[in-house]
Amino acid sequence: MTTTPTVNILGLRYTVRHVPYIERDVFRAGQIDHEKQEIKVLDSLTAEHSEVTLLHEVVHGILAHLKCWEEHNDEKLVQGLAIGLHQYLKGSSEACIPTLTPKKEHLHEQKTNLKTGRNSSKQVA
């Protein structure tokens, strides 16, 4: 049984889903729905692009919950923050970026970590 990935954005749990398209007429790699507390990410993206897209939507979520509407609507700022966070998290041995589709090695790692008590949650806090 696989669990649906989620991220915590300022105390609110958002479901993360891979989808074949976001909008039919406009290319979007991802989208956040604040009312449904859901983030959609295109399933055709590479793993790295998927991670950056998820972080991009999380940044939108943080800015929206802080009522920073001007910054929320500044795609250049949001993308810059997402890329910067991605680079930091990928370079840090302590940080992790949530995977959207658990792989067998991740499930094994999670079981091993449960036994050892080490925390390697695949969720963004």
N, C-alpha and C. Protein backbone atom coordinates (compact mmCIF):
# COMPACT_ATOMS: atom_id res chain seq x y z
N MET A 1 0.84 -1.18 0.00
CA MET A 1 0.00 0.00 0.00
C MET A 1 0.89 1.26 0.00
N THR A 2 0.64 2.16 -0.93
CA THR A 2 1.40 3.40 -0.96
C THR A 2 0.57 4.51 -0.33
N THR A 3 1.26 5.41 0.34
CA THR A 3 0.56 6.54 0.94
C THR A 3 0.66 7.74 0.02
N THR A 4 -0.33 8.59 0.10
CA THR A 4 -0.33 9.81 -0.69
C THR A 4 0.65 10.80 -0.07
N PRO A 5 1.60 11.30 -0.86
CA PRO A 5 2.56 12.26 -0.30
C PRO A 5 1.87 13.56 0.10
N THR A 6 2.35 14.15 1.17
CA THR A 6 1.83 15.43 1.62
C THR A 6 2.99 16.32 2.02
N VAL A 7 2.73 17.62 2.07
CA VAL A 7 3.68 18.59 2.59
C VAL A 7 2.94 19.45 3.61
N ASN A 8 3.67 19.92 4.59
CA ASN A 8 3.12 20.79 5.61
C ASN A 8 3.55 22.21 5.29
N ILE A 9 2.56 23.07 5.04
CA ILE A 9 2.84 24.47 4.74
C ILE A 9 2.25 25.32 5.87
N LEU A 10 3.11 25.79 6.74
CA LEU A 10 2.70 26.62 7.88
C LEU A 10 1.57 25.98 8.67
N GLY A 11 1.70 24.69 8.91
CA GLY A 11 0.74 23.97 9.74
C GLY A 11 -0.42 23.37 8.99
N LEU A 12 -0.52 23.60 7.70
CA LEU A 12 -1.60 23.02 6.89
C LEU A 12 -1.04 21.93 6.00
N ARG A 13 -1.70 20.78 6.01
CA ARG A 13 -1.25 19.63 5.24
C ARG A 13 -1.85 19.69 3.84
N TYR A 14 -0.97 19.70 2.83
CA TYR A 14 -1.37 19.71 1.43
C TYR A 14 -1.07 18.35 0.81
N THR A 15 -2.02 17.80 0.08
CA THR A 15 -1.82 16.56 -0.67
C THR A 15 -1.06 16.90 -1.95
N VAL A 16 -0.11 16.05 -2.31
CA VAL A 16 0.68 16.26 -3.54
C VAL A 16 0.33 15.14 -4.51
N ARG A 17 -0.05 15.52 -5.73
CA ARG A 17 -0.43 14.53 -6.74
C ARG A 17 0.31 14.76 -8.05
N HIS A 18 0.73 13.65 -8.67
CA HIS A 18 1.23 13.68 -10.05
C HIS A 18 0.02 13.59 -10.96
N VAL A 19 -0.03 14.46 -11.95
CA VAL A 19 -1.16 14.47 -12.89
C VAL A 19 -0.64 14.57 -14.32
N PRO A 20 -1.41 14.08 -15.30
CA PRO A 20 -0.95 14.14 -16.70
C PRO A 20 -0.98 15.55 -17.29
N TYR A 21 -1.83 16.43 -16.77
CA TYR A 21 -1.87 17.82 -17.21
C TYR A 21 -2.45 18.67 -16.09
N ILE A 22 -2.13 19.96 -16.12
CA ILE A 22 -2.67 20.91 -15.15
C ILE A 22 -3.82 21.66 -15.80
N GLU A 23 -3.53 22.34 -16.89
CA GLU A 23 -4.54 23.02 -17.70
C GLU A 23 -4.30 22.63 -19.14
N ARG A 24 -5.34 22.42 -19.85
CA ARG A 24 -5.20 21.96 -21.25
C ARG A 24 -4.60 23.02 -22.17
N ASP A 25 -4.94 24.28 -21.97
CA ASP A 25 -4.54 25.32 -22.92
C ASP A 25 -3.26 26.06 -22.55
N VAL A 26 -2.78 25.88 -21.32
CA VAL A 26 -1.61 26.62 -20.84
C VAL A 26 -0.65 25.62 -20.22
N PHE A 27 0.66 25.74 -20.55
CA PHE A 27 1.62 24.85 -19.91
C PHE A 27 1.89 25.33 -18.49
N ARG A 28 1.70 24.45 -17.56
CA ARG A 28 2.06 24.67 -16.17
C ARG A 28 2.70 23.39 -15.67
N ALA A 29 3.83 23.51 -15.02
CA ALA A 29 4.49 22.33 -14.46
C ALA A 29 3.84 21.92 -13.14
N GLY A 30 3.22 22.91 -12.46
CA GLY A 30 2.57 22.62 -11.18
C GLY A 30 1.55 23.68 -10.85
N GLN A 31 0.75 23.38 -9.84
CA GLN A 31 -0.27 24.33 -9.41
C GLN A 31 -0.68 24.01 -7.98
N ILE A 32 -0.88 25.06 -7.18
CA ILE A 32 -1.35 24.89 -5.82
C ILE A 32 -2.78 25.38 -5.72
N ASP A 33 -3.61 24.62 -5.03
CA ASP A 33 -5.00 24.99 -4.77
C ASP A 33 -5.13 25.16 -3.27
N HIS A 34 -5.22 26.41 -2.82
CA HIS A 34 -5.26 26.70 -1.39
C HIS A 34 -6.55 26.21 -0.74
N GLU A 35 -7.67 26.26 -1.45
CA GLU A 35 -8.95 25.83 -0.89
C GLU A 35 -8.99 24.33 -0.67
N LYS A 36 -8.50 23.57 -1.65
CA LYS A 36 -8.50 22.10 -1.55
C LYS A 36 -7.27 21.58 -0.80
N GLN A 37 -6.33 22.47 -0.51
CA GLN A 37 -5.05 22.09 0.10
C GLN A 37 -4.42 20.95 -0.70
N GLU A 38 -4.18 21.27 -1.97
CA GLU A 38 -3.66 20.27 -2.91
C GLU A 38 -2.64 20.93 -3.83
N ILE A 39 -1.58 20.19 -4.11
CA ILE A 39 -0.57 20.61 -5.08
C ILE A 39 -0.53 19.56 -6.17
N LYS A 40 -0.61 20.02 -7.42
CA LYS A 40 -0.51 19.13 -8.58
C LYS A 40 0.83 19.39 -9.26
N VAL A 41 1.49 18.30 -9.66
CA VAL A 41 2.76 18.38 -10.38
C VAL A 41 2.64 17.47 -11.60
N LEU A 42 3.08 17.96 -12.76
CA LEU A 42 3.02 17.13 -13.97
C LEU A 42 3.79 15.84 -13.79
N ASP A 43 3.21 14.74 -14.22
CA ASP A 43 3.88 13.45 -14.08
C ASP A 43 4.94 13.19 -15.14
N SER A 44 5.03 14.07 -16.15
CA SER A 44 6.00 13.89 -17.23
C SER A 44 7.34 14.57 -16.96
N LEU A 45 7.47 15.25 -15.81
CA LEU A 45 8.70 15.97 -15.50
C LEU A 45 9.81 15.02 -15.03
N THR A 46 11.05 15.45 -15.21
CA THR A 46 12.16 14.69 -14.64
C THR A 46 12.07 14.79 -13.12
N ALA A 47 12.79 13.94 -12.42
CA ALA A 47 12.77 13.95 -10.96
C ALA A 47 13.19 15.32 -10.41
N GLU A 48 14.27 15.87 -10.96
CA GLU A 48 14.76 17.16 -10.47
C GLU A 48 13.77 18.29 -10.76
N HIS A 49 13.21 18.30 -11.96
CA HIS A 49 12.23 19.33 -12.32
C HIS A 49 10.98 19.19 -11.43
N SER A 50 10.60 17.97 -11.13
CA SER A 50 9.47 17.72 -10.25
C SER A 50 9.72 18.26 -8.84
N GLU A 51 10.93 18.07 -8.33
CA GLU A 51 11.30 18.58 -7.01
C GLU A 51 11.25 20.10 -6.97
N VAL A 52 11.83 20.75 -7.99
CA VAL A 52 11.83 22.21 -8.05
C VAL A 52 10.40 22.73 -8.17
N THR A 53 9.59 22.05 -8.97
CA THR A 53 8.19 22.46 -9.14
C THR A 53 7.44 22.36 -7.82
N LEU A 54 7.65 21.28 -7.09
CA LEU A 54 7.00 21.14 -5.80
C LEU A 54 7.43 22.27 -4.86
N LEU A 55 8.72 22.56 -4.81
CA LEU A 55 9.20 23.65 -3.97
C LEU A 55 8.62 24.99 -4.41
N HIS A 56 8.50 25.19 -5.72
CA HIS A 56 7.89 26.41 -6.27
C HIS A 56 6.48 26.58 -5.72
N GLU A 57 5.71 25.51 -5.74
CA GLU A 57 4.33 25.59 -5.25
C GLU A 57 4.29 25.77 -3.74
N VAL A 58 5.23 25.17 -3.02
CA VAL A 58 5.31 25.37 -1.57
C VAL A 58 5.61 26.83 -1.25
N VAL A 59 6.52 27.45 -2.01
CA VAL A 59 6.82 28.88 -1.80
C VAL A 59 5.55 29.71 -2.02
N HIS A 60 4.80 29.39 -3.08
CA HIS A 60 3.51 30.08 -3.29
C HIS A 60 2.62 29.91 -2.06
N GLY A 61 2.57 28.70 -1.53
CA GLY A 61 1.73 28.43 -0.36
C GLY A 61 2.15 29.23 0.85
N ILE A 62 3.45 29.28 1.11
CA ILE A 62 3.95 30.05 2.25
C ILE A 62 3.59 31.53 2.10
N LEU A 63 3.85 32.08 0.93
CA LEU A 63 3.57 33.50 0.70
C LEU A 63 2.07 33.81 0.80
N ALA A 64 1.24 32.91 0.31
CA ALA A 64 -0.21 33.12 0.39
C ALA A 64 -0.69 33.10 1.83
N HIS A 65 -0.20 32.15 2.62
CA HIS A 65 -0.62 32.06 4.02
C HIS A 65 -0.12 33.23 4.84
N LEU A 66 0.97 33.84 4.41
CA LEU A 66 1.49 35.03 5.08
C LEU A 66 0.85 36.31 4.54
N LYS A 67 -0.06 36.15 3.57
CA LYS A 67 -0.76 37.28 2.94
C LYS A 67 0.20 38.23 2.22
N CYS A 68 1.28 37.68 1.71
CA CYS A 68 2.26 38.46 0.92
C CYS A 68 1.88 38.33 -0.55
N TRP A 69 0.79 38.98 -0.95
CA TRP A 69 0.22 38.78 -2.28
C TRP A 69 1.11 39.29 -3.39
N GLU A 70 1.79 40.42 -3.19
CA GLU A 70 2.66 40.94 -4.24
C GLU A 70 3.78 39.93 -4.53
N GLU A 71 4.40 39.41 -3.47
CA GLU A 71 5.47 38.41 -3.64
C GLU A 71 4.91 37.10 -4.18
N HIS A 72 3.72 36.70 -3.73
CA HIS A 72 3.06 35.47 -4.20
C HIS A 72 2.88 35.50 -5.71
N ASN A 73 2.57 36.67 -6.24
CA ASN A 73 2.32 36.80 -7.68
C ASN A 73 3.58 37.08 -8.49
N ASP A 74 4.72 37.20 -7.84
CA ASP A 74 5.99 37.47 -8.52
C ASP A 74 6.66 36.14 -8.87
N GLU A 75 6.38 35.64 -10.07
CA GLU A 75 6.87 34.32 -10.49
C GLU A 75 8.40 34.25 -10.51
N LYS A 76 9.04 35.36 -10.85
CA LYS A 76 10.51 35.38 -10.88
C LYS A 76 11.07 35.16 -9.46
N LEU A 77 10.49 35.83 -8.48
CA LEU A 77 10.90 35.67 -7.09
C LEU A 77 10.62 34.25 -6.61
N VAL A 78 9.41 33.77 -6.86
CA VAL A 78 9.02 32.43 -6.40
C VAL A 78 9.93 31.37 -7.01
N GLN A 79 10.21 31.49 -8.31
CA GLN A 79 11.07 30.49 -8.96
C GLN A 79 12.50 30.58 -8.44
N GLY A 80 12.98 31.79 -8.22
CA GLY A 80 14.33 31.96 -7.68
C GLY A 80 14.46 31.33 -6.29
N LEU A 81 13.45 31.54 -5.45
CA LEU A 81 13.46 30.93 -4.12
C LEU A 81 13.39 29.40 -4.22
N ALA A 82 12.56 28.89 -5.12
CA ALA A 82 12.43 27.44 -5.28
C ALA A 82 13.76 26.82 -5.72
N ILE A 83 14.42 27.44 -6.68
CA ILE A 83 15.70 26.92 -7.16
C ILE A 83 16.76 27.01 -6.06
N GLY A 84 16.79 28.13 -5.35
CA GLY A 84 17.74 28.29 -4.26
C GLY A 84 17.52 27.27 -3.15
N LEU A 85 16.26 27.05 -2.77
CA LEU A 85 15.95 26.03 -1.76
C LEU A 85 16.34 24.64 -2.25
N HIS A 86 16.06 24.37 -3.51
CA HIS A 86 16.42 23.06 -4.06
C HIS A 86 17.92 22.83 -4.00
N GLN A 87 18.68 23.82 -4.41
CA GLN A 87 20.14 23.69 -4.38
C GLN A 87 20.63 23.47 -2.95
N TYR A 88 20.08 24.22 -2.00
CA TYR A 88 20.47 24.06 -0.60
C TYR A 88 20.11 22.66 -0.09
N LEU A 89 18.87 22.25 -0.33
CA LEU A 89 18.42 20.95 0.19
C LEU A 89 19.18 19.79 -0.45
N LYS A 90 19.51 19.90 -1.71
CA LYS A 90 20.27 18.84 -2.38
C LYS A 90 21.71 18.79 -1.89
N GLY A 91 22.23 19.93 -1.44
CA GLY A 91 23.61 19.98 -0.97
C GLY A 91 23.76 19.68 0.50
N SER A 92 22.65 19.56 1.22
CA SER A 92 22.70 19.33 2.66
C SER A 92 22.41 17.87 2.97
N SER A 93 23.27 17.23 3.74
CA SER A 93 23.05 15.82 4.08
C SER A 93 21.91 15.66 5.07
N GLU A 94 21.55 16.73 5.78
CA GLU A 94 20.47 16.66 6.78
C GLU A 94 19.09 16.90 6.18
N ALA A 95 19.05 17.61 5.05
CA ALA A 95 17.77 17.98 4.47
C ALA A 95 17.30 16.93 3.47
N CYS A 96 16.01 16.90 3.23
CA CYS A 96 15.50 16.01 2.20
C CYS A 96 14.33 16.69 1.50
N ILE A 97 14.13 16.34 0.26
CA ILE A 97 13.03 16.85 -0.53
C ILE A 97 12.06 15.70 -0.72
N PRO A 98 10.76 15.92 -0.53
CA PRO A 98 9.83 14.80 -0.64
C PRO A 98 9.80 14.23 -2.04
N THR A 99 9.78 12.92 -2.12
CA THR A 99 9.61 12.26 -3.40
C THR A 99 8.13 12.06 -3.60
N LEU A 100 7.68 12.16 -4.83
CA LEU A 100 6.26 12.05 -5.10
C LEU A 100 5.83 10.62 -5.36
N THR A 101 6.77 9.78 -5.73
CA THR A 101 6.45 8.37 -5.92
C THR A 101 7.48 7.55 -5.16
N PRO A 102 7.07 6.89 -4.06
CA PRO A 102 8.04 6.13 -3.28
C PRO A 102 8.61 4.98 -4.09
N LYS A 103 9.90 4.85 -4.06
CA LYS A 103 10.57 3.75 -4.74
C LYS A 103 10.89 2.67 -3.71
N LYS A 104 11.17 1.46 -4.16
CA LYS A 104 11.43 0.36 -3.24
C LYS A 104 12.54 0.69 -2.26
N GLU A 105 13.62 1.34 -2.74
CA GLU A 105 14.72 1.66 -1.83
C GLU A 105 14.30 2.68 -0.78
N HIS A 106 13.37 3.58 -1.13
CA HIS A 106 12.88 4.53 -0.15
C HIS A 106 12.06 3.83 0.92
N LEU A 107 11.23 2.87 0.50
CA LEU A 107 10.43 2.14 1.47
C LEU A 107 11.33 1.34 2.41
N HIS A 108 12.39 0.73 1.86
CA HIS A 108 13.34 0.00 2.69
C HIS A 108 14.04 0.94 3.66
N GLU A 109 14.43 2.12 3.17
CA GLU A 109 15.10 3.12 4.01
C GLU A 109 14.17 3.57 5.14
N GLN A 110 12.88 3.78 4.82
CA GLN A 110 11.94 4.20 5.85
C GLN A 110 11.79 3.13 6.92
N LYS A 111 11.69 1.85 6.51
CA LYS A 111 11.58 0.76 7.48
C LYS A 111 12.83 0.67 8.34
N THR A 112 14.00 0.80 7.71
CA THR A 112 15.26 0.76 8.45
C THR A 112 15.33 1.90 9.44
N ASN A 113 14.92 3.10 9.02
CA ASN A 113 14.96 4.25 9.90
C ASN A 113 13.99 4.11 11.07
N LEU A 114 12.87 3.43 10.84
CA LEU A 114 11.94 3.19 11.94
C LEU A 114 12.61 2.32 13.00
N LYS A 115 13.40 1.34 12.56
CA LYS A 115 14.09 0.45 13.49
C LYS A 115 15.18 1.19 14.25
N THR A 116 15.90 2.09 13.56
CA THR A 116 17.03 2.78 14.19
C THR A 116 16.61 4.06 14.90
N GLY A 117 15.39 4.52 14.62
CA GLY A 117 14.92 5.75 15.23
C GLY A 117 15.38 7.01 14.54
N ARG A 118 16.10 6.88 13.41
CA ARG A 118 16.54 8.05 12.65
C ARG A 118 15.39 8.59 11.83
N ASN A 119 15.22 9.90 11.80
CA ASN A 119 14.15 10.53 11.09
C ASN A 119 14.60 10.92 9.68
N SER A 120 13.97 10.31 8.66
CA SER A 120 14.24 10.73 7.29
C SER A 120 12.94 10.87 6.54
N SER A 121 11.99 11.53 7.14
CA SER A 121 10.69 11.74 6.54
C SER A 121 10.87 12.37 5.17
N LYS A 122 10.07 11.95 4.23
CA LYS A 122 10.11 12.48 2.87
C LYS A 122 9.13 13.63 2.71
N GLN A 123 8.81 14.32 3.80
CA GLN A 123 7.88 15.43 3.76
C GLN A 123 8.64 16.72 4.09
N VAL A 124 8.15 17.80 3.50
CA VAL A 124 8.70 19.11 3.82
C VAL A 124 7.99 19.60 5.05
N ALA A 125 8.74 20.03 6.03
CA ALA A 125 8.11 20.52 7.27
C ALA A 125 7.78 21.98 7.16
